[in-house]
Amino acid sequence: MTYDMIRLFEHELRFRGSVPYAIVTFGGSRKSGTFELDVEWKPSQMSDQKTARLQIRWDVETLRLHHADLEEELEIARTRDENQTVRIEQAAIVVAVAAMSFVEPQTRFTSRSRIGTGHDFGLNSRHDEMIEIAGRTNGSLTSLFKAKREQSDKNPTLRKRWVSVTVFGKSPRNRTEGLHL
């Protein structure tokens, strides 16, 4: 599975703020490249788990067509922004968007959720479809998923709800699951 970061601009949110952090997390100072990670996913609770290798590609020259200040934002992310938590969370958003493009290709991220919903983004311009996203530099994918699932379970009335977690460590991994039936 290959995802080109230019596709982030297909979504209403465009993810301009996530792009520089993802590039720095994925490739440091490289202007283009590919970041690879293993992905586990289930489109719904009743589905069988699937696994694949996800490759996320980027090219700064191409992305700049949609993000005029990208070079400056990359420089800030590399040299002036020491908040690793924000950088990892923003990179996890890009991974979640990429994973969802294969899990449910028609899904679009259309709004940032308000605090208290237990989820980060609204999907498909609907109030009853949401996703919770998290990222860490190390630790257990299973325990991170469990914690985020418990958070998502506080809002069980949604027609569709998702959790996508990424651990970037030595062997980057993602788990994306639809918690709906």
C-alpha atoms as a PDB file:
ATOM      1  CA  MET A   1       0.000   0.000   0.000  1.00  0.00           C
ATOM      2  CA  THR A   2       1.460   3.338  -1.049  1.00  0.00           C
ATOM      3  CA  TYR A   3       0.091   6.724  -0.056  1.00  0.00           C
ATOM      4  CA  ASP A   4       1.413  10.001  -1.451  1.00  0.00           C
ATOM      5  CA  MET A   5       1.096  12.892   1.005  1.00  0.00           C
ATOM      6  CA  ILE A   6      -0.237  15.139  -1.772  1.00  0.00           C
ATOM      7  CA  ARG A   7      -3.510  13.254  -1.220  1.00  0.00           C
ATOM      8  CA  LEU A   8      -3.886  14.971   2.165  1.00  0.00           C
ATOM      9  CA  PHE A   9      -5.234  17.934   0.213  1.00  0.00           C
ATOM     10  CA  GLU A  10      -8.211  15.838  -0.991  1.00  0.00           C
ATOM     11  CA  HIS A  11      -9.702  16.286   2.483  1.00  0.00           C
ATOM     12  CA  GLU A  12     -11.561  19.427   3.508  1.00  0.00           C
ATOM     13  CA  LEU A  13      -9.069  19.981   6.352  1.00  0.00           C
ATOM     14  CA  ARG A  14      -6.024  19.855   4.008  1.00  0.00           C
ATOM     15  CA  PHE A  15      -3.737  18.998   6.996  1.00  0.00           C
ATOM     16  CA  ARG A  16      -1.267  21.802   6.245  1.00  0.00           C
ATOM     17  CA  GLY A  17      -0.283  21.885   9.923  1.00  0.00           C
ATOM     18  CA  SER A  18       0.450  18.160   9.992  1.00  0.00           C
ATOM     19  CA  VAL A  19       2.573  18.011   6.828  1.00  0.00           C
ATOM     20  CA  PRO A  20       5.807  19.581   8.177  1.00  0.00           C
ATOM     21  CA  TYR A  21       5.704  17.539  11.391  1.00  0.00           C
ATOM     22  CA  ALA A  22       5.105  14.326   9.466  1.00  0.00           C
ATOM     23  CA  ILE A  23       7.975  15.000   7.067  1.00  0.00           C
ATOM     24  CA  VAL A  24      10.366  15.741   9.953  1.00  0.00           C
ATOM     25  CA  THR A  25       9.188  12.637  11.845  1.00  0.00           C
ATOM     26  CA  PHE A  26       9.361  10.417   8.765  1.00  0.00           C
ATOM     27  CA  GLY A  27      12.524  11.687   7.147  1.00  0.00           C
ATOM     28  CA  GLY A  28      14.354  14.310   9.169  1.00  0.00           C
ATOM     29  CA  SER A  29      15.847  16.748   6.666  1.00  0.00           C
ATOM     30  CA  ARG A  30      15.105  14.824   3.467  1.00  0.00           C
ATOM     31  CA  LYS A  31      13.099  16.781   0.885  1.00  0.00           C
ATOM     32  CA  SER A  32      11.549  13.623  -0.499  1.00  0.00           C
ATOM     33  CA  GLY A  33      11.311  10.052   0.574  1.00  0.00           C
ATOM     34  CA  THR A  34       9.227   7.149   1.756  1.00  0.00           C
ATOM     35  CA  PHE A  35       8.325   6.173   5.298  1.00  0.00           C
ATOM     36  CA  GLU A  36       7.320   2.543   5.848  1.00  0.00           C
ATOM     37  CA  LEU A  37       5.333   1.003   8.662  1.00  0.00           C
ATOM     38  CA  ASP A  38       3.284  -2.093   9.360  1.00  0.00           C
ATOM     39  CA  VAL A  39      -0.458  -1.558   9.572  1.00  0.00           C
ATOM     40  CA  GLU A  40      -3.104  -3.754  11.189  1.00  0.00           C
ATOM     41  CA  TRP A  41      -6.731  -2.934  10.506  1.00  0.00           C
ATOM     42  CA  LYS A  42     -10.284  -4.093  10.835  1.00  0.00           C
ATOM     43  CA  PRO A  43     -12.996  -2.213   8.947  1.00  0.00           C
ATOM     44  CA  SER A  44     -15.450  -3.170  11.711  1.00  0.00           C
ATOM     45  CA  GLN A  45     -15.584  -5.206  14.901  1.00  0.00           C
ATOM     46  CA  MET A  46     -16.991  -8.172  12.996  1.00  0.00           C
ATOM     47  CA  SER A  47     -14.262  -8.158  10.324  1.00  0.00           C
ATOM     48  CA  ASP A  48     -11.123 -10.247  10.252  1.00  0.00           C
ATOM     49  CA  GLN A  49      -7.902  -8.414  11.009  1.00  0.00           C
ATOM     50  CA  LYS A  50      -5.696  -7.637   8.017  1.00  0.00           C
ATOM     51  CA  THR A  51      -2.069  -6.559   7.889  1.00  0.00           C
ATOM     52  CA  ALA A  52       0.038  -4.829   5.266  1.00  0.00           C
ATOM     53  CA  ARG A  53       3.082  -2.664   4.771  1.00  0.00           C
ATOM     54  CA  LEU A  54       2.146   1.005   4.281  1.00  0.00           C
ATOM     55  CA  GLN A  55       4.506   3.340   2.462  1.00  0.00           C
ATOM     56  CA  ILE A  56       3.910   7.067   2.859  1.00  0.00           C
ATOM     57  CA  ARG A  57       5.695   9.153   0.212  1.00  0.00           C
ATOM     58  CA  TRP A  58       6.389  12.854   0.112  1.00  0.00           C
ATOM     59  CA  ASP A  59       8.084  15.365  -2.147  1.00  0.00           C
ATOM     60  CA  VAL A  60       8.483  18.894  -0.785  1.00  0.00           C
ATOM     61  CA  GLU A  61       8.479  20.489  -4.248  1.00  0.00           C
ATOM     62  CA  THR A  62       5.107  18.919  -5.084  1.00  0.00           C
ATOM     63  CA  LEU A  63       3.596  19.619  -1.668  1.00  0.00           C
ATOM     64  CA  ARG A  64       4.662  23.269  -1.853  1.00  0.00           C
ATOM     65  CA  LEU A  65       2.110  23.777  -4.635  1.00  0.00           C
ATOM     66  CA  HIS A  66      -0.569  23.394  -1.931  1.00  0.00           C
ATOM     67  CA  HIS A  67       1.390  24.744   1.047  1.00  0.00           C
ATOM     68  CA  ALA A  68       3.293  27.908   0.121  1.00  0.00           C
ATOM     69  CA  ASP A  69       5.093  28.218   3.476  1.00  0.00           C
ATOM     70  CA  LEU A  70       6.141  24.583   3.662  1.00  0.00           C
ATOM     71  CA  GLU A  71       9.920  25.191   3.520  1.00  0.00           C
ATOM     72  CA  GLU A  72       9.702  27.698   6.364  1.00  0.00           C
ATOM     73  CA  GLU A  73       7.440  25.412   8.431  1.00  0.00           C
ATOM     74  CA  LEU A  74       9.852  22.505   7.892  1.00  0.00           C
ATOM     75  CA  GLU A  75      12.774  24.610   9.093  1.00  0.00           C
ATOM     76  CA  ILE A  76      10.846  25.634  12.203  1.00  0.00           C
ATOM     77  CA  ALA A  77       9.827  22.035  12.911  1.00  0.00           C
ATOM     78  CA  ARG A  78      13.424  20.858  12.513  1.00  0.00           C
ATOM     79  CA  THR A  79      15.241  23.579  14.429  1.00  0.00           C
ATOM     80  CA  ARG A  80      12.891  25.535  16.690  1.00  0.00           C
ATOM     81  CA  ASP A  81      10.033  23.283  17.730  1.00  0.00           C
ATOM     82  CA  GLU A  82      11.130  20.960  20.521  1.00  0.00           C
ATOM     83  CA  ASN A  83       7.620  19.729  21.351  1.00  0.00           C
ATOM     84  CA  GLN A  84       8.028  16.092  20.352  1.00  0.00           C
ATOM     85  CA  THR A  85       4.529  15.223  21.565  1.00  0.00           C
ATOM     86  CA  VAL A  86       2.914  17.589  19.063  1.00  0.00           C
ATOM     87  CA  ARG A  87       5.213  16.392  16.264  1.00  0.00           C
ATOM     88  CA  ILE A  88       4.357  12.738  16.905  1.00  0.00           C
ATOM     89  CA  GLU A  89       0.613  13.412  17.191  1.00  0.00           C
ATOM     90  CA  GLN A  90       0.638  15.327  13.902  1.00  0.00           C
ATOM     91  CA  ALA A  91       2.590  12.526  12.187  1.00  0.00           C
ATOM     92  CA  ALA A  92       0.059  10.018  13.588  1.00  0.00           C
ATOM     93  CA  ILE A  93      -2.726  12.031  11.946  1.00  0.00           C
ATOM     94  CA  VAL A  94      -1.018  11.635   8.566  1.00  0.00           C
ATOM     95  CA  VAL A  95      -0.623   7.885   9.187  1.00  0.00           C
ATOM     96  CA  ALA A  96      -4.312   7.611  10.124  1.00  0.00           C
ATOM     97  CA  VAL A  97      -5.424   9.463   6.983  1.00  0.00           C
ATOM     98  CA  ALA A  98      -3.171   7.215   4.879  1.00  0.00           C
ATOM     99  CA  ALA A  99      -4.396   4.024   6.566  1.00  0.00           C
ATOM    100  CA  MET A 100      -8.037   5.054   6.201  1.00  0.00           C
ATOM    101  CA  SER A 101      -7.494   5.658   2.483  1.00  0.00           C
ATOM    102  CA  PHE A 102      -7.071   1.882   2.158  1.00  0.00           C
ATOM    103  CA  VAL A 103      -9.437   0.715   4.908  1.00  0.00           C
ATOM    104  CA  GLU A 104     -12.356   2.832   3.698  1.00  0.00           C
ATOM    105  CA  PRO A 105     -11.274   4.766   0.569  1.00  0.00           C
ATOM    106  CA  GLN A 106     -14.389   6.937   0.341  1.00  0.00           C
ATOM    107  CA  THR A 107     -13.930   8.359   3.862  1.00  0.00           C
ATOM    108  CA  ARG A 108     -12.915  12.008   4.122  1.00  0.00           C
ATOM    109  CA  PHE A 109     -11.782  13.889   7.207  1.00  0.00           C
ATOM    110  CA  THR A 110     -14.066  16.918   7.200  1.00  0.00           C
ATOM    111  CA  SER A 111     -13.935  18.567  10.633  1.00  0.00           C
ATOM    112  CA  ARG A 112     -11.880  18.803  13.791  1.00  0.00           C
ATOM    113  CA  SER A 113     -13.956  17.571  16.701  1.00  0.00           C
ATOM    114  CA  ARG A 114     -14.820  19.659  19.721  1.00  0.00           C
ATOM    115  CA  ILE A 115     -13.384  18.710  23.110  1.00  0.00           C
ATOM    116  CA  GLY A 116     -15.384  16.112  24.993  1.00  0.00           C
ATOM    117  CA  THR A 117     -16.416  13.887  22.106  1.00  0.00           C
ATOM    118  CA  GLY A 118     -13.644  11.358  22.736  1.00  0.00           C
ATOM    119  CA  HIS A 119     -12.605  11.661  19.100  1.00  0.00           C
ATOM    120  CA  ASP A 120     -10.320  13.990  17.149  1.00  0.00           C
ATOM    121  CA  PHE A 121     -12.023  14.328  13.768  1.00  0.00           C
ATOM    122  CA  GLY A 122     -15.430  14.158  12.183  1.00  0.00           C
ATOM    123  CA  LEU A 123     -15.709  12.158   8.978  1.00  0.00           C
ATOM    124  CA  ASN A 124     -17.736  12.609   5.802  1.00  0.00           C
ATOM    125  CA  SER A 125     -19.477  15.802   7.004  1.00  0.00           C
ATOM    126  CA  ARG A 126     -21.538  13.731   9.437  1.00  0.00           C
ATOM    127  CA  HIS A 127     -21.897  14.217  13.167  1.00  0.00           C
ATOM    128  CA  ASP A 128     -22.227  10.475  13.769  1.00  0.00           C
ATOM    129  CA  GLU A 129     -18.913   9.390  12.159  1.00  0.00           C
ATOM    130  CA  MET A 130     -15.659  10.126  14.017  1.00  0.00           C
ATOM    131  CA  ILE A 131     -12.094   8.940  14.542  1.00  0.00           C
ATOM    132  CA  GLU A 132      -9.743   9.082  17.537  1.00  0.00           C
ATOM    133  CA  ILE A 133      -6.021   9.252  16.677  1.00  0.00           C
ATOM    134  CA  ALA A 134      -2.923   8.873  18.852  1.00  0.00           C
ATOM    135  CA  GLY A 135       0.806   8.525  18.362  1.00  0.00           C
ATOM    136  CA  ARG A 136       3.745   7.622  20.565  1.00  0.00           C
ATOM    137  CA  THR A 137       7.471   7.260  20.026  1.00  0.00           C
ATOM    138  CA  ASN A 138       7.657   3.975  21.914  1.00  0.00           C
ATOM    139  CA  GLY A 139       5.623   1.593  24.008  1.00  0.00           C
ATOM    140  CA  SER A 140       3.041  -1.025  23.267  1.00  0.00           C
ATOM    141  CA  LEU A 141       0.692  -0.676  20.324  1.00  0.00           C
ATOM    142  CA  THR A 142      -1.784  -2.922  22.167  1.00  0.00           C
ATOM    143  CA  SER A 143      -1.894  -0.813  25.339  1.00  0.00           C
ATOM    144  CA  LEU A 144      -2.143   2.457  23.385  1.00  0.00           C
ATOM    145  CA  PHE A 145      -5.000   1.038  21.324  1.00  0.00           C
ATOM    146  CA  LYS A 146      -6.758  -0.196  24.481  1.00  0.00           C
ATOM    147  CA  ALA A 147      -6.528   3.247  26.103  1.00  0.00           C
ATOM    148  CA  LYS A 148      -7.858   5.009  23.017  1.00  0.00           C
ATOM    149  CA  ARG A 149     -10.599   2.457  22.545  1.00  0.00           C
ATOM    150  CA  GLU A 150     -11.738   3.058  26.136  1.00  0.00           C
ATOM    151  CA  GLN A 151     -11.784   6.768  25.336  1.00  0.00           C
ATOM    152  CA  SER A 152     -13.844   6.100  22.198  1.00  0.00           C
ATOM    153  CA  ASP A 153     -16.216   3.840  24.126  1.00  0.00           C
ATOM    154  CA  LYS A 154     -17.382   6.900  26.076  1.00  0.00           C
ATOM    155  CA  ASN A 155     -19.183   7.981  22.894  1.00  0.00           C
ATOM    156  CA  PRO A 156     -20.839   4.712  21.748  1.00  0.00           C
ATOM    157  CA  THR A 157     -23.814   6.393  20.082  1.00  0.00           C
ATOM    158  CA  LEU A 158     -21.935   7.147  16.870  1.00  0.00           C
ATOM    159  CA  ARG A 159     -23.012   5.312  13.736  1.00  0.00           C
ATOM    160  CA  LYS A 160     -19.350   4.837  12.817  1.00  0.00           C
ATOM    161  CA  ARG A 161     -16.376   5.330  15.086  1.00  0.00           C
ATOM    162  CA  TRP A 162     -12.739   4.563  14.518  1.00  0.00           C
ATOM    163  CA  VAL A 163      -9.518   4.413  16.496  1.00  0.00           C
ATOM    164  CA  SER A 164      -6.126   4.739  14.823  1.00  0.00           C
ATOM    165  CA  VAL A 165      -2.920   4.544  16.866  1.00  0.00           C
ATOM    166  CA  THR A 166       0.711   4.622  15.747  1.00  0.00           C
ATOM    167  CA  VAL A 167       3.890   3.752  17.625  1.00  0.00           C
ATOM    168  CA  PHE A 168       6.861   5.168  15.737  1.00  0.00           C
ATOM    169  CA  GLY A 169       9.745   3.403  17.613  1.00  0.00           C
ATOM    170  CA  LYS A 170      12.281   1.123  15.926  1.00  0.00           C
ATOM    171  CA  SER A 171       9.647  -0.832  13.984  1.00  0.00           C
ATOM    172  CA  PRO A 172       6.851   1.666  13.278  1.00  0.00           C
ATOM    173  CA  ARG A 173       3.364   0.167  13.531  1.00  0.00           C
ATOM    174  CA  ASN A 174      -0.206   1.351  13.214  1.00  0.00           C
ATOM    175  CA  ARG A 175      -3.494  -0.192  14.241  1.00  0.00           C
ATOM    176  CA  THR A 176      -6.711   1.199  12.791  1.00  0.00           C
ATOM    177  CA  GLU A 177     -10.038  -0.303  13.678  1.00  0.00           C
ATOM    178  CA  GLY A 178     -13.680   0.494  13.076  1.00  0.00           C
ATOM    179  CA  LEU A 179     -15.459   0.003  16.380  1.00  0.00           C
ATOM    180  CA  HIS A 180     -18.873  -0.158  14.728  1.00  0.00           C
ATOM    181  CA  LEU A 181     -20.682  -3.385  13.942  1.00  0.00           C
END
